[in-house]
């Protein structure tokens, strides 16, 4: 569980990154989970984007995906959201 201060720090880091995982009309699929898991392991902080033609809400999708991946929900803005999961290499140093 991350604290408010850590969440704020992660939000500031997330501002400068682009979404690398796009969620399409199929929603959360096995392939999406594998892609997101690999991205979280490699980067720790990953921004997701729900495509415009998809009828999913960012908050609900983020919560469901965070639970599946064992990640922390950081922030949701519009159709984008950010998840964080500490990897073995500890790339990001939290305050």
PDB file of N, CA and C in Angstrom:
ATOM      1  N   UNK A   1       0.845  -1.186   0.000  1.00  0.00           N
ATOM      2  CA  UNK A   1       0.000   0.000   0.000  1.00  0.00           C
ATOM      3  C   UNK A   1       0.888   1.247   0.000  1.00  0.00           C
ATOM      4  N   UNK A   2       0.597   2.158  -0.890  1.00  0.00           N
ATOM      5  CA  UNK A   2       1.395   3.379  -0.956  1.00  0.00           C
ATOM      6  C   UNK A   2       0.687   4.502  -0.207  1.00  0.00           C
ATOM      7  N   UNK A   3       1.479   5.416   0.315  1.00  0.00           N
ATOM      8  CA  UNK A   3       0.941   6.544   1.079  1.00  0.00           C
ATOM      9  C   UNK A   3       0.526   7.670   0.132  1.00  0.00           C
ATOM     10  N   UNK A   4      -0.132   8.677   0.678  1.00  0.00           N
ATOM     11  CA  UNK A   4      -0.544   9.831  -0.120  1.00  0.00           C
ATOM     12  C   UNK A   4       0.641  10.574  -0.709  1.00  0.00           C
ATOM     13  N   UNK A   5       1.707  10.679   0.082  1.00  0.00           N
ATOM     14  CA  UNK A   5       2.915  11.364  -0.389  1.00  0.00           C
ATOM     15  C   UNK A   5       3.548  10.587  -1.551  1.00  0.00           C
ATOM     16  N   UNK A   6       3.590   9.280  -1.432  1.00  0.00           N
ATOM     17  CA  UNK A   6       4.141   8.449  -2.499  1.00  0.00           C
ATOM     18  C   UNK A   6       3.266   8.516  -3.750  1.00  0.00           C
ATOM     19  N   UNK A   7       1.946   8.505  -3.557  1.00  0.00           N
ATOM     20  CA  UNK A   7       1.020   8.605  -4.690  1.00  0.00           C
ATOM     21  C   UNK A   7       1.217   9.929  -5.416  1.00  0.00           C
ATOM     22  N   UNK A   8       1.389  11.001  -4.667  1.00  0.00           N
ATOM     23  CA  UNK A   8       1.623  12.318  -5.257  1.00  0.00           C
ATOM     24  C   UNK A   8       2.920  12.329  -6.064  1.00  0.00           C
ATOM     25  N   UNK A   9       3.955  11.704  -5.527  1.00  0.00           N
ATOM     26  CA  UNK A   9       5.239  11.611  -6.226  1.00  0.00           C
ATOM     27  C   UNK A   9       5.082  10.822  -7.526  1.00  0.00           C
ATOM     28  N   UNK A  10       4.350   9.706  -7.474  1.00  0.00           N
ATOM     29  CA  UNK A  10       4.134   8.891  -8.666  1.00  0.00           C
ATOM     30  C   UNK A  10       3.310   9.635  -9.715  1.00  0.00           C
ATOM     31  N   UNK A  11       2.340  10.441  -9.266  1.00  0.00           N
ATOM     32  CA  UNK A  11       1.555  11.263 -10.194  1.00  0.00           C
ATOM     33  C   UNK A  11       2.456  12.223 -10.951  1.00  0.00           C
ATOM     34  N   UNK A  12       3.403  12.833 -10.237  1.00  0.00           N
ATOM     35  CA  UNK A  12       4.310  13.786 -10.894  1.00  0.00           C
ATOM     36  C   UNK A  12       5.189  13.077 -11.919  1.00  0.00           C
ATOM     37  N   UNK A  13       5.617  11.866 -11.627  1.00  0.00           N
ATOM     38  CA  UNK A  13       6.406  11.097 -12.588  1.00  0.00           C
ATOM     39  C   UNK A  13       5.553  10.689 -13.792  1.00  0.00           C
ATOM     40  N   UNK A  14       4.299  10.379 -13.554  1.00  0.00           N
ATOM     41  CA  UNK A  14       3.406   9.902 -14.616  1.00  0.00           C
ATOM     42  C   UNK A  14       3.059  10.992 -15.623  1.00  0.00           C
ATOM     43  N   UNK A  15       3.168  12.264 -15.231  1.00  0.00           N
ATOM     44  CA  UNK A  15       2.847  13.353 -16.150  1.00  0.00           C
ATOM     45  C   UNK A  15       3.679  13.310 -17.412  1.00  0.00           C
ATOM     46  N   UNK A  16       4.903  12.874 -17.305  1.00  0.00           N
ATOM     47  CA  UNK A  16       5.817  12.944 -18.443  1.00  0.00           C
ATOM     48  C   UNK A  16       5.854  11.665 -19.287  1.00  0.00           C
ATOM     49  N   UNK A  17       5.132  10.631 -18.897  1.00  0.00           N
ATOM     50  CA  UNK A  17       5.179   9.395 -19.684  1.00  0.00           C
ATOM     51  C   UNK A  17       3.939   9.269 -20.577  1.00  0.00           C
ATOM     52  N   UNK A  18       4.112   8.569 -21.681  1.00  0.00           N
ATOM     53  CA  UNK A  18       3.018   8.323 -22.622  1.00  0.00           C
ATOM     54  C   UNK A  18       2.381   6.971 -22.312  1.00  0.00           C
ATOM     55  N   UNK A  19       1.106   6.807 -22.682  1.00  0.00           N
ATOM     56  CA  UNK A  19       0.466   5.502 -22.497  1.00  0.00           C
ATOM     57  C   UNK A  19       1.156   4.440 -23.360  1.00  0.00           C
ATOM     58  N   UNK A  20       1.476   3.298 -22.753  1.00  0.00           N
ATOM     59  CA  UNK A  20       2.116   2.237 -23.528  1.00  0.00           C
ATOM     60  C   UNK A  20       1.220   1.018 -23.672  1.00  0.00           C
ATOM     61  N   UNK A  21       0.111   0.991 -22.918  1.00  0.00           N
ATOM     62  CA  UNK A  21      -0.835  -0.112 -23.033  1.00  0.00           C
ATOM     63  C   UNK A  21      -2.192   0.479 -23.399  1.00  0.00           C
ATOM     64  N   UNK A  22      -2.725   0.062 -24.549  1.00  0.00           N
ATOM     65  CA  UNK A  22      -4.036   0.521 -24.993  1.00  0.00           C
ATOM     66  C   UNK A  22      -5.063  -0.578 -24.766  1.00  0.00           C
ATOM     67  N   UNK A  23      -6.208  -0.187 -24.225  1.00  0.00           N
ATOM     68  CA  UNK A  23      -7.283  -1.134 -23.965  1.00  0.00           C
ATOM     69  C   UNK A  23      -8.345  -0.945 -25.036  1.00  0.00           C
ATOM     70  N   UNK A  24      -8.579  -1.996 -25.809  1.00  0.00           N
ATOM     71  CA  UNK A  24      -9.506  -1.926 -26.930  1.00  0.00           C
ATOM     72  C   UNK A  24     -10.880  -2.463 -26.597  1.00  0.00           C
ATOM     73  N   UNK A  25     -11.654  -2.752 -27.636  1.00  0.00           N
ATOM     74  CA  UNK A  25     -13.051  -3.149 -27.470  1.00  0.00           C
ATOM     75  C   UNK A  25     -13.229  -4.478 -26.745  1.00  0.00           C
ATOM     76  N   UNK A  26     -12.193  -5.304 -26.724  1.00  0.00           N
ATOM     77  CA  UNK A  26     -12.285  -6.589 -26.016  1.00  0.00           C
ATOM     78  C   UNK A  26     -12.096  -6.441 -24.512  1.00  0.00           C
ATOM     79  N   UNK A  27     -11.704  -5.260 -24.063  1.00  0.00           N
ATOM     80  CA  UNK A  27     -11.531  -5.025 -22.629  1.00  0.00           C
ATOM     81  C   UNK A  27     -10.293  -5.706 -22.082  1.00  0.00           C
ATOM     82  N   UNK A  28     -10.423  -6.237 -20.885  1.00  0.00           N
ATOM     83  CA  UNK A  28      -9.292  -6.888 -20.225  1.00  0.00           C
ATOM     84  C   UNK A  28      -9.238  -8.343 -20.681  1.00  0.00           C
ATOM     85  N   UNK A  29      -8.264  -8.628 -21.527  1.00  0.00           N
ATOM     86  CA  UNK A  29      -8.078  -9.980 -22.052  1.00  0.00           C
ATOM     87  C   UNK A  29      -6.792 -10.579 -21.489  1.00  0.00           C
ATOM     88  N   UNK A  30      -6.590 -11.854 -21.754  1.00  0.00           N
ATOM     89  CA  UNK A  30      -5.373 -12.535 -21.294  1.00  0.00           C
ATOM     90  C   UNK A  30      -4.118 -11.882 -21.890  1.00  0.00           C
ATOM     91  N   UNK A  31      -4.177 -11.505 -23.167  1.00  0.00           N
ATOM     92  CA  UNK A  31      -3.030 -10.858 -23.808  1.00  0.00           C
ATOM     93  C   UNK A  31      -2.744  -9.492 -23.193  1.00  0.00           C
ATOM     94  N   UNK A  32      -3.791  -8.746 -22.879  1.00  0.00           N
ATOM     95  CA  UNK A  32      -3.620  -7.442 -22.244  1.00  0.00           C
ATOM     96  C   UNK A  32      -2.967  -7.597 -20.869  1.00  0.00           C
ATOM     97  N   UNK A  33      -3.391  -8.595 -20.135  1.00  0.00           N
ATOM     98  CA  UNK A  33      -2.826  -8.841 -18.803  1.00  0.00           C
ATOM     99  C   UNK A  33      -1.342  -9.183 -18.918  1.00  0.00           C
ATOM    100  N   UNK A  34      -0.984 -10.025 -19.894  1.00  0.00           N
ATOM    101  CA  UNK A  34       0.432 -10.375 -20.091  1.00  0.00           C
ATOM    102  C   UNK A  34       1.253  -9.149 -20.478  1.00  0.00           C
ATOM    103  N   UNK A  35       0.716  -8.327 -21.371  1.00  0.00           N
ATOM    104  CA  UNK A  35       1.419  -7.115 -21.805  1.00  0.00           C
ATOM    105  C   UNK A  35       1.591  -6.146 -20.629  1.00  0.00           C
ATOM    106  N   UNK A  36       0.545  -5.954 -19.863  1.00  0.00           N
ATOM    107  CA  UNK A  36       0.600  -5.039 -18.720  1.00  0.00           C
ATOM    108  C   UNK A  36       1.553  -5.563 -17.653  1.00  0.00           C
ATOM    109  N   UNK A  37       1.551  -6.871 -17.417  1.00  0.00           N
ATOM    110  CA  UNK A  37       2.442  -7.466 -16.430  1.00  0.00           C
ATOM    111  C   UNK A  37       3.904  -7.255 -16.824  1.00  0.00           C
ATOM    112  N   UNK A  38       4.214  -7.472 -18.090  1.00  0.00           N
ATOM    113  CA  UNK A  38       5.581  -7.258 -18.573  1.00  0.00           C
ATOM    114  C   UNK A  38       5.991  -5.799 -18.476  1.00  0.00           C
ATOM    115  N   UNK A  39       5.072  -4.906 -18.805  1.00  0.00           N
ATOM    116  CA  UNK A  39       5.377  -3.474 -18.736  1.00  0.00           C
ATOM    117  C   UNK A  39       5.606  -3.029 -17.292  1.00  0.00           C
ATOM    118  N   UNK A  40       4.796  -3.523 -16.369  1.00  0.00           N
ATOM    119  CA  UNK A  40       4.973  -3.164 -14.954  1.00  0.00           C
ATOM    120  C   UNK A  40       6.291  -3.709 -14.402  1.00  0.00           C
ATOM    121  N   UNK A  41       6.661  -4.898 -14.822  1.00  0.00           N
ATOM    122  CA  UNK A  41       7.922  -5.483 -14.349  1.00  0.00           C
ATOM    123  C   UNK A  41       9.115  -4.691 -14.873  1.00  0.00           C
ATOM    124  N   UNK A  42       9.017  -4.218 -16.117  1.00  0.00           N
ATOM    125  CA  UNK A  42      10.130  -3.496 -16.737  1.00  0.00           C
ATOM    126  C   UNK A  42      10.211  -2.034 -16.284  1.00  0.00           C
ATOM    127  N   UNK A  43       9.055  -1.393 -16.036  1.00  0.00           N
ATOM    128  CA  UNK A  43       9.034   0.049 -15.784  1.00  0.00           C
ATOM    129  C   UNK A  43       8.516   0.467 -14.424  1.00  0.00           C
ATOM    130  N   UNK A  44       7.767  -0.374 -13.762  1.00  0.00           N
ATOM    131  CA  UNK A  44       7.111  -0.117 -12.476  1.00  0.00           C
ATOM    132  C   UNK A  44       5.929   0.848 -12.571  1.00  0.00           C
ATOM    133  N   UNK A  45       6.033   1.903 -13.349  1.00  0.00           N
ATOM    134  CA  UNK A  45       4.969   2.899 -13.482  1.00  0.00           C
ATOM    135  C   UNK A  45       4.496   2.901 -14.933  1.00  0.00           C
ATOM    136  N   UNK A  46       3.227   2.528 -15.150  1.00  0.00           N
ATOM    137  CA  UNK A  46       2.721   2.371 -16.510  1.00  0.00           C
ATOM    138  C   UNK A  46       1.425   3.149 -16.669  1.00  0.00           C
ATOM    139  N   UNK A  47       1.333   3.866 -17.783  1.00  0.00           N
ATOM    140  CA  UNK A  47       0.118   4.605 -18.118  1.00  0.00           C
ATOM    141  C   UNK A  47      -0.660   3.802 -19.158  1.00  0.00           C
ATOM    142  N   UNK A  48      -1.956   3.661 -18.906  1.00  0.00           N
ATOM    143  CA  UNK A  48      -2.868   2.923 -19.775  1.00  0.00           C
ATOM    144  C   UNK A  48      -3.829   3.910 -20.425  1.00  0.00           C
ATOM    145  N   UNK A  49      -4.316   3.549 -21.620  1.00  0.00           N
ATOM    146  CA  UNK A  49      -5.302   4.373 -22.302  1.00  0.00           C
ATOM    147  C   UNK A  49      -6.438   3.484 -22.790  1.00  0.00           C
ATOM    148  N   UNK A  50      -7.662   3.912 -22.485  1.00  0.00           N
ATOM    149  CA  UNK A  50      -8.837   3.228 -23.001  1.00  0.00           C
ATOM    150  C   UNK A  50      -9.211   3.929 -24.302  1.00  0.00           C
ATOM    151  N   UNK A  51      -9.244   3.178 -25.389  1.00  0.00           N
ATOM    152  CA  UNK A  51      -9.518   3.768 -26.693  1.00  0.00           C
ATOM    153  C   UNK A  51     -10.919   4.385 -26.742  1.00  0.00           C
ATOM    154  N   UNK A  52     -11.092   5.372 -27.621  1.00  0.00           N
ATOM    155  CA  UNK A  52     -12.332   6.151 -27.675  1.00  0.00           C
ATOM    156  C   UNK A  52     -13.578   5.346 -28.014  1.00  0.00           C
ATOM    157  N   UNK A  53     -13.443   4.288 -28.791  1.00  0.00           N
ATOM    158  CA  UNK A  53     -14.612   3.517 -29.204  1.00  0.00           C
ATOM    159  C   UNK A  53     -15.005   2.437 -28.201  1.00  0.00           C
ATOM    160  N   UNK A  54     -14.419   2.459 -27.011  1.00  0.00           N
ATOM    161  CA  UNK A  54     -14.663   1.434 -26.002  1.00  0.00           C
ATOM    162  C   UNK A  54     -15.568   1.999 -24.910  1.00  0.00           C
ATOM    163  N   UNK A  55     -16.513   1.181 -24.466  1.00  0.00           N
ATOM    164  CA  UNK A  55     -17.478   1.609 -23.463  1.00  0.00           C
ATOM    165  C   UNK A  55     -17.074   1.161 -22.056  1.00  0.00           C
ATOM    166  N   UNK A  56     -15.872   1.499 -21.628  1.00  0.00           N
ATOM    167  CA  UNK A  56     -15.395   1.159 -20.287  1.00  0.00           C
ATOM    168  C   UNK A  56     -15.082   2.443 -19.538  1.00  0.00           C
ATOM    169  N   UNK A  57     -15.253   2.397 -18.215  1.00  0.00           N
ATOM    170  CA  UNK A  57     -14.876   3.536 -17.384  1.00  0.00           C
ATOM    171  C   UNK A  57     -13.464   3.308 -16.860  1.00  0.00           C
ATOM    172  N   UNK A  58     -12.679   4.368 -16.848  1.00  0.00           N
ATOM    173  CA  UNK A  58     -11.272   4.265 -16.450  1.00  0.00           C
ATOM    174  C   UNK A  58     -11.130   3.793 -15.008  1.00  0.00           C
ATOM    175  N   UNK A  59     -11.897   4.342 -14.086  1.00  0.00           N
ATOM    176  CA  UNK A  59     -11.757   3.970 -12.668  1.00  0.00           C
ATOM    177  C   UNK A  59     -12.040   2.496 -12.426  1.00  0.00           C
ATOM    178  N   UNK A  60     -13.146   2.001 -12.989  1.00  0.00           N
ATOM    179  CA  UNK A  60     -13.499   0.591 -12.800  1.00  0.00           C
ATOM    180  C   UNK A  60     -12.485  -0.340 -13.451  1.00  0.00           C
ATOM    181  N   UNK A  61     -12.077   0.011 -14.658  1.00  0.00           N
ATOM    182  CA  UNK A  61     -11.097  -0.801 -15.378  1.00  0.00           C
ATOM    183  C   UNK A  61      -9.763  -0.812 -14.646  1.00  0.00           C
ATOM    184  N   UNK A  62      -9.347   0.356 -14.151  1.00  0.00           N
ATOM    185  CA  UNK A  62      -8.085   0.459 -13.413  1.00  0.00           C
ATOM    186  C   UNK A  62      -8.119  -0.378 -12.144  1.00  0.00           C
ATOM    187  N   UNK A  63      -9.208  -0.322 -11.409  1.00  0.00           N
ATOM    188  CA  UNK A  63      -9.330  -1.103 -10.173  1.00  0.00           C
ATOM    189  C   UNK A  63      -9.281  -2.603 -10.450  1.00  0.00           C
ATOM    190  N   UNK A  64      -9.988  -3.026 -11.487  1.00  0.00           N
ATOM    191  CA  UNK A  64     -10.013  -4.442 -11.840  1.00  0.00           C
ATOM    192  C   UNK A  64      -8.635  -4.920 -12.292  1.00  0.00           C
ATOM    193  N   UNK A  65      -7.989  -4.131 -13.123  1.00  0.00           N
ATOM    194  CA  UNK A  65      -6.662  -4.498 -13.621  1.00  0.00           C
ATOM    195  C   UNK A  65      -5.624  -4.485 -12.494  1.00  0.00           C
ATOM    196  N   UNK A  66      -5.715  -3.511 -11.600  1.00  0.00           N
ATOM    197  CA  UNK A  66      -4.785  -3.438 -10.461  1.00  0.00           C
ATOM    198  C   UNK A  66      -4.922  -4.669  -9.577  1.00  0.00           C
ATOM    199  N   UNK A  67      -6.141  -5.111  -9.360  1.00  0.00           N
ATOM    200  CA  UNK A  67      -6.370  -6.298  -8.542  1.00  0.00           C
ATOM    201  C   UNK A  67      -5.792  -7.546  -9.199  1.00  0.00           C
ATOM    202  N   UNK A  68      -6.002  -7.683 -10.498  1.00  0.00           N
ATOM    203  CA  UNK A  68      -5.492  -8.848 -11.238  1.00  0.00           C
ATOM    204  C   UNK A  68      -3.964  -8.872 -11.217  1.00  0.00           C
ATOM    205  N   UNK A  69      -3.341  -7.701 -11.395  1.00  0.00           N
ATOM    206  CA  UNK A  69      -1.877  -7.620 -11.520  1.00  0.00           C
ATOM    207  C   UNK A  69      -1.155  -7.445 -10.186  1.00  0.00           C
ATOM    208  N   UNK A  70      -1.878  -7.221  -9.115  1.00  0.00           N
ATOM    209  CA  UNK A  70      -1.241  -6.969  -7.828  1.00  0.00           C
ATOM    210  C   UNK A  70      -0.535  -5.627  -7.817  1.00  0.00           C
ATOM    211  N   UNK A  71      -1.127  -4.654  -8.485  1.00  0.00           N
ATOM    212  CA  UNK A  71      -0.526  -3.322  -8.612  1.00  0.00           C
ATOM    213  C   UNK A  71      -1.321  -2.312  -7.794  1.00  0.00           C
ATOM    214  N   UNK A  72      -0.776  -1.116  -7.684  1.00  0.00           N
ATOM    215  CA  UNK A  72      -1.429  -0.012  -6.984  1.00  0.00           C
ATOM    216  C   UNK A  72      -1.997   0.972  -7.997  1.00  0.00           C
ATOM    217  N   UNK A  73      -3.230   1.396  -7.789  1.00  0.00           N
ATOM    218  CA  UNK A  73      -3.834   2.440  -8.601  1.00  0.00           C
ATOM    219  C   UNK A  73      -3.245   3.777  -8.174  1.00  0.00           C
ATOM    220  N   UNK A  74      -2.779   4.574  -9.145  1.00  0.00           N
ATOM    221  CA  UNK A  74      -2.167   5.871  -8.829  1.00  0.00           C
ATOM    222  C   UNK A  74      -3.137   7.005  -9.131  1.00  0.00           C
ATOM    223  N   UNK A  75      -3.565   7.109 -10.384  1.00  0.00           N
ATOM    224  CA  UNK A  75      -4.431   8.224 -10.774  1.00  0.00           C
ATOM    225  C   UNK A  75      -5.193   7.867 -12.044  1.00  0.00           C
ATOM    226  N   UNK A  76      -6.342   8.512 -12.205  1.00  0.00           N
ATOM    227  CA  UNK A  76      -7.137   8.350 -13.420  1.00  0.00           C
ATOM    228  C   UNK A  76      -7.553   9.732 -13.895  1.00  0.00           C
ATOM    229  N   UNK A  77      -7.278  10.017 -15.167  1.00  0.00           N
ATOM    230  CA  UNK A  77      -7.673  11.297 -15.759  1.00  0.00           C
ATOM    231  C   UNK A  77      -8.299  10.998 -17.113  1.00  0.00           C
ATOM    232  N   UNK A  78      -9.588  11.283 -17.232  1.00  0.00           N
ATOM    233  CA  UNK A  78     -10.280  11.018 -18.491  1.00  0.00           C
ATOM    234  C   UNK A  78     -10.271   9.549 -18.819  1.00  0.00           C
ATOM    235  N   UNK A  79      -9.740   9.201 -19.973  1.00  0.00           N
ATOM    236  CA  UNK A  79      -9.687   7.814 -20.425  1.00  0.00           C
ATOM    237  C   UNK A  79      -8.316   7.180 -20.175  1.00  0.00           C
ATOM    238  N   UNK A  80      -7.498   7.836 -19.375  1.00  0.00           N
ATOM    239  CA  UNK A  80      -6.165   7.317 -19.056  1.00  0.00           C
ATOM    240  C   UNK A  80      -6.074   7.061 -17.557  1.00  0.00           C
ATOM    241  N   UNK A  81      -5.263   6.065 -17.205  1.00  0.00           N
ATOM    242  CA  UNK A  81      -4.999   5.807 -15.791  1.00  0.00           C
ATOM    243  C   UNK A  81      -3.596   5.243 -15.647  1.00  0.00           C
ATOM    244  N   UNK A  82      -3.088   5.319 -14.423  1.00  0.00           N
ATOM    245  CA  UNK A  82      -1.712   4.913 -14.141  1.00  0.00           C
ATOM    246  C   UNK A  82      -1.714   3.876 -13.022  1.00  0.00           C
ATOM    247  N   UNK A  83      -0.920   2.824 -13.219  1.00  0.00           N
ATOM    248  CA  UNK A  83      -0.726   1.797 -12.204  1.00  0.00           C
ATOM    249  C   UNK A  83       0.750   1.714 -11.841  1.00  0.00           C
ATOM    250  N   UNK A  84       1.015   1.324 -10.592  1.00  0.00           N
ATOM    251  CA  UNK A  84       2.381   1.170 -10.104  1.00  0.00           C
ATOM    252  C   UNK A  84       2.508  -0.186  -9.426  1.00  0.00           C
ATOM    253  N   UNK A  85       3.611  -0.870  -9.726  1.00  0.00           N
ATOM    254  CA  UNK A  85       3.946  -2.105  -9.020  1.00  0.00           C
ATOM    255  C   UNK A  85       5.458  -2.174  -8.903  1.00  0.00           C
ATOM    256  N   UNK A  86       5.937  -2.319  -7.697  1.00  0.00           N
ATOM    257  CA  UNK A  86       7.384  -2.388  -7.470  1.00  0.00           C
ATOM    258  C   UNK A  86       7.933  -3.680  -8.068  1.00  0.00           C
ATOM    259  N   UNK A  87       9.025  -3.550  -8.814  1.00  0.00           N
ATOM    260  CA  UNK A  87       9.664  -4.736  -9.402  1.00  0.00           C
ATOM    261  C   UNK A  87      10.847  -5.156  -8.528  1.00  0.00           C
ATOM    262  N   UNK A  88      11.456  -6.258  -8.877  1.00  0.00           N
ATOM    263  CA  UNK A  88      12.607  -6.756  -8.114  1.00  0.00           C
ATOM    264  C   UNK A  88      13.791  -5.796  -8.177  1.00  0.00           C
ATOM    265  N   UNK A  89      13.914  -5.069  -9.297  1.00  0.00           N
ATOM    266  CA  UNK A  89      15.050  -4.176  -9.491  1.00  0.00           C
ATOM    267  C   UNK A  89      14.869  -2.806  -8.844  1.00  0.00           C
ATOM    268  N   UNK A  90      13.660  -2.495  -8.370  1.00  0.00           N
ATOM    269  CA  UNK A  90      13.354  -1.226  -7.699  1.00  0.00           C
ATOM    270  C   UNK A  90      13.892  -0.026  -8.467  1.00  0.00           C
ATOM    271  N   UNK A  91      13.267   0.251  -9.612  1.00  0.00           N
ATOM    272  CA  UNK A  91      13.675   1.320 -10.500  1.00  0.00           C
ATOM    273  C   UNK A  91      13.339   2.690  -9.913  1.00  0.00           C
ATOM    274  N   UNK A  92      12.152   2.802  -9.324  1.00  0.00           N
ATOM    275  CA  UNK A  92      11.684   4.079  -8.777  1.00  0.00           C
ATOM    276  C   UNK A  92      11.892   4.063  -7.261  1.00  0.00           C
ATOM    277  N   UNK A  93      12.541   5.098  -6.759  1.00  0.00           N
ATOM    278  CA  UNK A  93      12.754   5.243  -5.316  1.00  0.00           C
ATOM    279  C   UNK A  93      11.637   6.109  -4.751  1.00  0.00           C
ATOM    280  N   UNK A  94      10.755   5.491  -3.947  1.00  0.00           N
ATOM    281  CA  UNK A  94       9.643   6.233  -3.362  1.00  0.00           C
ATOM    282  C   UNK A  94      10.098   7.011  -2.137  1.00  0.00           C
ATOM    283  N   UNK A  95       9.516   8.208  -1.930  1.00  0.00           N
ATOM    284  CA  UNK A  95       9.872   8.990  -0.725  1.00  0.00           C
ATOM    285  C   UNK A  95       9.346   8.344   0.547  1.00  0.00           C
TER     286      UNK A  95
END
